Amino acid sequence: MKIRLAIKDDAPKVSALWEMMVNEMRPEWTPNRQWWEKMFIALLDTPLAQYTVVVAEEAGGNLVGFIDGLILPEPSTGKIHGVGQHFYIMPEYRNSTIAGRLYANIISVALKGGVQILEFFCFPDGIKFWNKRGYGLTRCMMRREVASHV
């Protein structure tokens, strides 16, 4: 299994994994894969925030997992933050070394980028995974659908 940085040409394959992640974690949501794919490509070209996607690729070119994140200055702390956005591995490849290898690779990129604080977005059932790696809950995101008559 090869762990490598993603490129723009990987957008269709990575967006397919992203859609699988959303459908698995929140089947009631309606993910827009085309929007995510456009954001993936646009973020790779954005100089303000360094966007990185690391993928796990089988010998035949099939992608089986990915992790992505941004490096950006955070004015509230006065430090450079590495913010992990998404982390997904296809179910049949879990309980292997892939998760650890993806994580280690993106952490390496973050440290080379001068990151002083690491943060990862996760669903509630992923909190234990991150706690085991030394992360603590610092804030919550609250969500509600907006009606036209807010």
Foldseek 3Di string as FASTA:
>chain_A
DDKDWDDLVCLVQVLVQVVVVCCVVPVVDDDDSVVVSVVVHVQCVDPQKHKIKIFDADPVGHTFWIKIWIWHQDVVVRFIETEIEDTDGHPVPPPDCVRVVRVVVVVVVCVVVRGDYYYYDDDPVCQVVVVVVVDDDDDDDDDDDDDPVD
